[in-house]
Amino acid sequence: SSAASDVYKRQVYSSRLVSGVIERKYTAKDENGAFKAGIFEGNKKEKYVLYNPTRIDDPNFIIEGTKILRYVGDGSKVTIPEGVTELSPCLFWDNQDIVEVVLPESLIDISGDTFYNCSNLENITIPKNVRFMGNNPFAGCPKLSLKNDSESFAYEDGTLYTKDHSRLIYRNIKNPSESYSINQLTKIIGKHSFYLCSNLKEVIIPHSVIKLENNPFSGCEKINVINMSSRYHVIDSVIYDEDKSSVIGCLNSIKTDILSLIHISE
């Protein structure tokens, strides 16, 4: 319902490797400090009207409501029809034909891995109404020039963050810089966010980072990580968690035939 949508948001953690639905818990207190009932229970006075979206027909897509489920076209320039609000995970996965994709102003949600390994993709503009984005939708796109018109995100120095810089989503492969210092406000470095950034020789992780998602530096052949975060340790090109009980990842820049991991005695 439209009334519920403002207080009960659904977030889709979208990736071919890790997926599922994470729902934000809704809790609220009345003026006396008591917890109110959930939005779908306990209050019979509330009325909710279901929204039935207009049907969107396009021969290049399989569309359910306002969500694109599958791309079935074969053109080099793809225009997604107006009215679409969500792109499914992996929608253009490994598509070597597309060069440009025009996204509609109606778009709100770009799922993870949407354009994964589209090696000939050159141009995309994130529309102004996009508010949600999954894990690195643009991973493995070496020719991509990205433009951002959404106020929900910040795109600077070839790196895409959420507006408040708390989450790093994507680093442009084309960026020629050999060194990059992650923003001091960043708390989460997203899954595969630096994927195939072969130009990078150095990345500095600030003190603010509390979470490294799955393999953020995968495919970076030359990279050296300088870590300032107390939540992680980088030792001999291996990334460990805070108490060294888990291995988070191994950098591609490692030069060894034998890798001995740290042993922690109980």
Protein backbone atom coordinates (compact mmCIF):
# COMPACT_ATOMS: atom_id res chain seq x y z
CA SER A 1 0.00 0.00 0.00
CA SER A 2 1.08 3.57 -0.53
CA ALA A 3 0.61 4.37 3.17
CA ALA A 4 2.80 1.49 4.23
CA SER A 5 5.57 2.21 1.75
CA ASP A 6 6.80 5.23 3.69
CA VAL A 7 7.32 3.34 6.95
CA TYR A 8 8.08 -0.21 5.92
CA LYS A 9 10.86 -0.44 3.33
CA ARG A 10 12.11 -3.59 1.67
CA GLN A 11 15.75 -3.82 0.76
CA VAL A 12 16.94 -6.42 -1.72
CA TYR A 13 20.48 -7.65 -1.21
CA SER A 14 21.04 -8.57 -4.84
CA SER A 15 23.89 -10.68 -6.12
CA ARG A 16 24.40 -13.91 -7.99
CA LEU A 17 26.63 -15.12 -5.15
CA VAL A 18 24.64 -13.86 -2.20
CA SER A 19 20.95 -13.04 -2.36
CA GLY A 20 17.85 -12.76 -0.26
CA VAL A 21 15.43 -10.25 1.13
CA ILE A 22 16.26 -8.15 4.16
CA GLU A 23 13.34 -6.26 5.64
CA ARG A 24 13.85 -3.31 7.92
CA LYS A 25 12.06 -3.80 11.21
CA TYR A 26 9.42 -1.19 11.85
CA THR A 27 9.07 -0.08 15.45
CA ALA A 28 7.39 3.04 16.77
CA LYS A 29 6.21 4.43 20.08
CA ASP A 30 3.10 6.45 20.84
CA GLU A 31 3.06 9.63 22.95
CA ASN A 32 3.04 7.52 26.15
CA GLY A 33 6.12 5.55 25.20
CA ALA A 34 4.21 2.33 24.42
CA PHE A 35 4.99 0.39 21.24
CA LYS A 36 2.38 0.63 18.51
CA ALA A 37 1.09 -2.38 16.61
CA GLY A 38 2.76 -3.38 13.36
CA ILE A 39 1.42 -1.71 10.25
CA PHE A 40 -0.46 -4.82 9.07
CA GLU A 41 -1.95 -5.85 12.40
CA GLY A 42 -3.92 -4.57 15.35
CA ASN A 43 -5.38 -1.39 13.91
CA LYS A 44 -8.64 -2.06 12.11
CA LYS A 45 -9.33 1.62 11.47
CA GLU A 46 -6.52 1.86 8.93
CA LYS A 47 -7.40 1.26 5.30
CA TYR A 48 -4.87 0.35 2.65
CA VAL A 49 -5.42 0.52 -1.09
CA LEU A 50 -3.50 -1.85 -3.32
CA TYR A 51 -1.80 -0.22 -6.27
CA ASN A 52 -2.16 -1.96 -9.60
CA PRO A 53 0.46 -0.48 -11.94
CA THR A 54 -0.18 0.13 -15.61
CA ARG A 55 1.03 -2.70 -17.81
CA ILE A 56 4.32 -1.99 -19.56
CA ASP A 57 4.85 -3.78 -22.86
CA ASP A 58 8.21 -3.90 -24.65
CA PRO A 59 9.35 -6.74 -26.97
CA ASN A 60 12.92 -6.46 -25.66
CA PHE A 61 12.00 -7.24 -22.06
CA ILE A 62 10.00 -9.55 -19.85
CA ILE A 63 8.34 -7.22 -17.35
CA GLU A 64 6.28 -7.99 -14.27
CA GLY A 65 4.42 -4.93 -13.02
CA THR A 66 7.10 -2.24 -13.03
CA LYS A 67 10.06 -4.63 -12.58
CA ILE A 68 12.13 -5.89 -15.50
CA LEU A 69 12.83 -9.59 -15.06
CA ARG A 70 14.76 -10.38 -18.23
CA TYR A 71 16.29 -8.76 -21.31
CA VAL A 72 15.57 -10.65 -24.56
CA GLY A 73 16.73 -8.07 -27.12
CA ASP A 74 19.92 -7.99 -29.15
CA GLY A 75 20.62 -4.31 -29.89
CA SER A 76 23.73 -2.29 -29.08
CA LYS A 77 21.70 0.65 -27.72
CA VAL A 78 18.99 -0.30 -25.26
CA THR A 79 16.28 2.04 -24.00
CA ILE A 80 14.41 0.85 -20.93
CA PRO A 81 10.77 1.99 -21.11
CA GLU A 82 9.40 4.77 -18.92
CA GLY A 83 7.36 3.45 -16.00
CA VAL A 84 9.92 0.79 -15.01
CA THR A 85 11.00 1.24 -11.38
CA GLU A 86 13.29 -1.74 -10.77
CA LEU A 87 15.97 -3.70 -12.63
CA SER A 88 16.42 -7.34 -11.62
CA PRO A 89 19.80 -8.72 -10.50
CA CYS A 90 22.11 -9.77 -13.35
CA LEU A 91 19.70 -8.34 -15.97
CA PHE A 92 22.43 -7.78 -18.58
CA TRP A 93 24.89 -10.34 -17.14
CA ASP A 94 27.83 -10.94 -19.53
CA ASN A 95 26.11 -9.19 -22.43
CA GLN A 96 28.75 -8.36 -25.02
CA ASP A 97 26.42 -6.57 -27.45
CA ILE A 98 25.23 -3.56 -25.52
CA VAL A 99 27.16 -0.29 -25.88
CA GLU A 100 24.70 2.14 -24.31
CA VAL A 101 21.74 1.69 -21.96
CA VAL A 102 19.28 4.55 -21.43
CA LEU A 103 17.58 4.30 -18.05
CA PRO A 104 14.14 5.89 -17.46
CA GLU A 105 13.38 8.75 -15.08
CA SER A 106 10.92 6.43 -13.31
CA LEU A 107 13.71 4.08 -12.16
CA ILE A 108 14.12 3.75 -8.38
CA ASP A 109 16.11 0.55 -7.82
CA ILE A 110 19.19 -0.85 -9.62
CA SER A 111 19.97 -4.35 -8.34
CA GLY A 112 23.39 -5.92 -7.86
CA ASP A 113 25.43 -7.25 -10.83
CA THR A 114 22.94 -5.69 -13.28
CA PHE A 115 25.62 -4.98 -15.91
CA TYR A 116 28.25 -7.49 -14.79
CA ASN A 117 30.98 -8.13 -17.39
CA CYS A 118 29.36 -6.03 -20.14
CA SER A 119 32.79 -5.41 -21.63
CA ASN A 120 31.59 -3.16 -24.47
CA LEU A 121 29.23 -0.99 -22.42
CA GLU A 122 30.30 2.65 -22.73
CA ASN A 123 27.57 4.93 -21.42
CA ILE A 124 25.10 4.91 -18.52
CA THR A 125 23.48 7.75 -16.57
CA ILE A 126 21.98 7.02 -13.16
CA PRO A 127 18.59 8.83 -13.25
CA LYS A 128 17.61 11.37 -10.62
CA ASN A 129 14.97 9.20 -8.91
CA VAL A 130 17.21 6.18 -8.19
CA ARG A 131 17.37 5.66 -4.42
CA PHE A 132 18.46 2.03 -4.00
CA MET A 133 21.41 0.17 -5.45
CA GLY A 134 22.67 -3.39 -4.94
CA ASN A 135 26.24 -4.67 -4.96
CA ASN A 136 28.33 -3.10 -7.73
CA PRO A 137 25.89 -3.13 -10.67
CA PHE A 138 28.74 -2.06 -13.00
CA ALA A 139 31.40 -4.65 -12.11
CA GLY A 140 33.64 -5.73 -14.98
CA CYS A 141 32.76 -2.92 -17.42
CA PRO A 142 36.20 -1.64 -18.58
CA LYS A 143 34.88 0.92 -21.10
CA LEU A 144 32.12 2.42 -19.00
CA SER A 145 31.76 6.18 -18.58
CA LEU A 146 29.28 6.67 -15.75
CA LYS A 147 27.24 9.80 -15.02
CA ASN A 148 25.17 10.28 -11.89
CA ASP A 149 22.06 12.51 -11.67
CA SER A 150 20.71 11.03 -8.42
CA GLU A 151 20.99 12.99 -5.18
CA SER A 152 20.99 9.68 -3.28
CA PHE A 153 24.53 8.95 -4.48
CA ALA A 154 27.85 10.74 -4.86
CA TYR A 155 30.13 10.04 -7.84
CA GLU A 156 33.55 11.60 -7.43
CA ASP A 157 37.01 10.78 -8.72
CA GLY A 158 35.58 7.76 -10.53
CA THR A 159 34.13 6.27 -7.34
CA LEU A 160 30.44 5.82 -6.50
CA TYR A 161 29.27 6.21 -2.90
CA THR A 162 25.94 6.60 -1.18
CA LYS A 163 25.15 10.27 -0.62
CA ASP A 164 26.60 10.31 2.90
CA HIS A 165 29.69 8.38 1.74
CA SER A 166 28.98 5.64 4.31
CA ARG A 167 29.02 2.91 1.63
CA LEU A 168 31.42 2.59 -1.30
CA ILE A 169 29.66 0.86 -4.20
CA TYR A 170 31.84 1.08 -7.30
CA ARG A 171 35.25 2.18 -8.58
CA ASN A 172 35.52 2.90 -12.30
CA ILE A 173 37.98 0.58 -14.05
CA LYS A 174 38.91 3.32 -16.54
CA ASN A 175 40.24 5.62 -13.82
CA PRO A 176 44.00 5.93 -14.47
CA SER A 177 45.00 6.80 -10.88
CA GLU A 178 47.42 4.38 -9.29
CA SER A 179 46.56 5.37 -5.72
CA TYR A 180 43.22 5.99 -4.03
CA SER A 181 42.33 7.02 -0.49
CA ILE A 182 38.81 5.95 0.47
CA ASN A 183 36.62 8.69 1.92
CA GLN A 184 37.05 9.21 5.67
CA LEU A 185 33.28 8.83 6.25
CA THR A 186 33.05 5.39 4.66
CA LYS A 187 31.89 2.53 6.89
CA ILE A 188 31.22 -0.22 4.32
CA ILE A 189 33.30 -1.19 1.30
CA GLY A 190 30.91 -3.04 -0.97
CA LYS A 191 31.21 -6.43 -2.60
CA HIS A 192 33.51 -6.43 -5.66
CA SER A 193 33.56 -2.61 -5.53
CA PHE A 194 37.11 -2.44 -6.95
CA TYR A 195 36.67 -5.41 -9.29
CA LEU A 196 39.29 -5.52 -12.09
CA CYS A 197 40.77 -2.10 -11.26
CA SER A 198 44.13 -3.15 -12.67
CA ASN A 199 45.54 0.40 -12.66
CA LEU A 200 45.40 0.62 -8.88
CA LYS A 201 48.61 -0.04 -7.00
CA GLU A 202 47.52 1.35 -3.65
CA VAL A 203 44.26 1.74 -1.72
CA ILE A 204 44.07 3.32 1.73
CA ILE A 205 41.30 2.04 4.03
CA PRO A 206 40.40 4.72 6.63
CA HIS A 207 39.75 4.24 10.36
CA SER A 208 36.01 4.64 9.76
CA VAL A 209 35.56 1.32 7.90
CA ILE A 210 33.75 -1.35 9.92
CA LYS A 211 32.76 -3.79 7.15
CA LEU A 212 34.45 -5.28 4.10
CA GLU A 213 31.91 -7.14 1.98
CA ASN A 214 32.84 -10.11 -0.20
CA ASN A 215 36.12 -9.65 -2.13
CA PRO A 216 36.08 -5.86 -2.69
CA PHE A 217 39.55 -5.99 -4.31
CA SER A 218 39.05 -9.05 -6.53
CA GLY A 219 40.86 -8.94 -9.86
CA CYS A 220 43.18 -6.08 -8.81
CA GLU A 221 46.49 -7.56 -9.93
CA LYS A 222 48.84 -4.85 -8.60
CA ILE A 223 47.06 -3.60 -5.51
CA ASN A 224 48.59 -3.00 -2.11
CA VAL A 225 46.13 -2.24 0.70
CA ILE A 226 47.12 0.18 3.44
CA ASN A 227 44.71 -0.48 6.29
CA MET A 228 43.84 1.98 9.05
CA SER A 229 40.70 0.18 10.26
CA SER A 230 40.85 -1.56 13.64
CA ARG A 231 38.32 -4.13 12.37
CA TYR A 232 40.79 -5.75 9.96
CA HIS A 233 44.45 -6.67 9.53
CA VAL A 234 46.37 -6.93 6.26
CA ILE A 235 49.38 -9.19 6.72
CA ASP A 236 51.47 -10.53 3.82
CA SER A 237 48.66 -9.66 1.36
CA VAL A 238 46.07 -11.60 3.41
CA ILE A 239 43.11 -9.77 4.98
CA TYR A 240 42.07 -11.04 8.43
CA ASP A 241 39.19 -9.96 10.65
CA GLU A 242 39.64 -8.08 13.93
CA ASP A 243 40.76 -11.03 16.11
CA LYS A 244 42.45 -12.86 13.21
CA SER A 245 39.99 -15.75 13.54
CA SER A 246 38.79 -15.50 9.92
CA VAL A 247 40.42 -14.87 6.56
CA ILE A 248 38.47 -12.23 4.62
CA GLY A 249 40.44 -12.51 1.40
CA CYS A 250 43.78 -12.74 -0.30
CA LEU A 251 45.01 -9.95 -2.58
CA ASN A 252 45.85 -10.78 -6.20
CA SER A 253 49.15 -8.95 -5.79
CA ILE A 254 50.51 -11.70 -3.54
CA LYS A 255 53.74 -13.19 -4.85
CA THR A 256 54.27 -16.59 -3.27
CA ASP A 257 54.03 -20.31 -3.98
CA ILE A 258 53.21 -21.20 -0.38
CA LEU A 259 50.88 -19.26 1.92
CA SER A 260 51.05 -19.88 5.68
CA LEU A 261 48.10 -18.44 7.57
CA ILE A 262 48.38 -17.05 11.09
CA HIS A 263 47.61 -19.64 13.78
CA ILE A 264 45.68 -18.43 16.83
CA SER A 265 45.94 -20.69 19.90
CA GLU A 266 42.83 -21.05 22.05
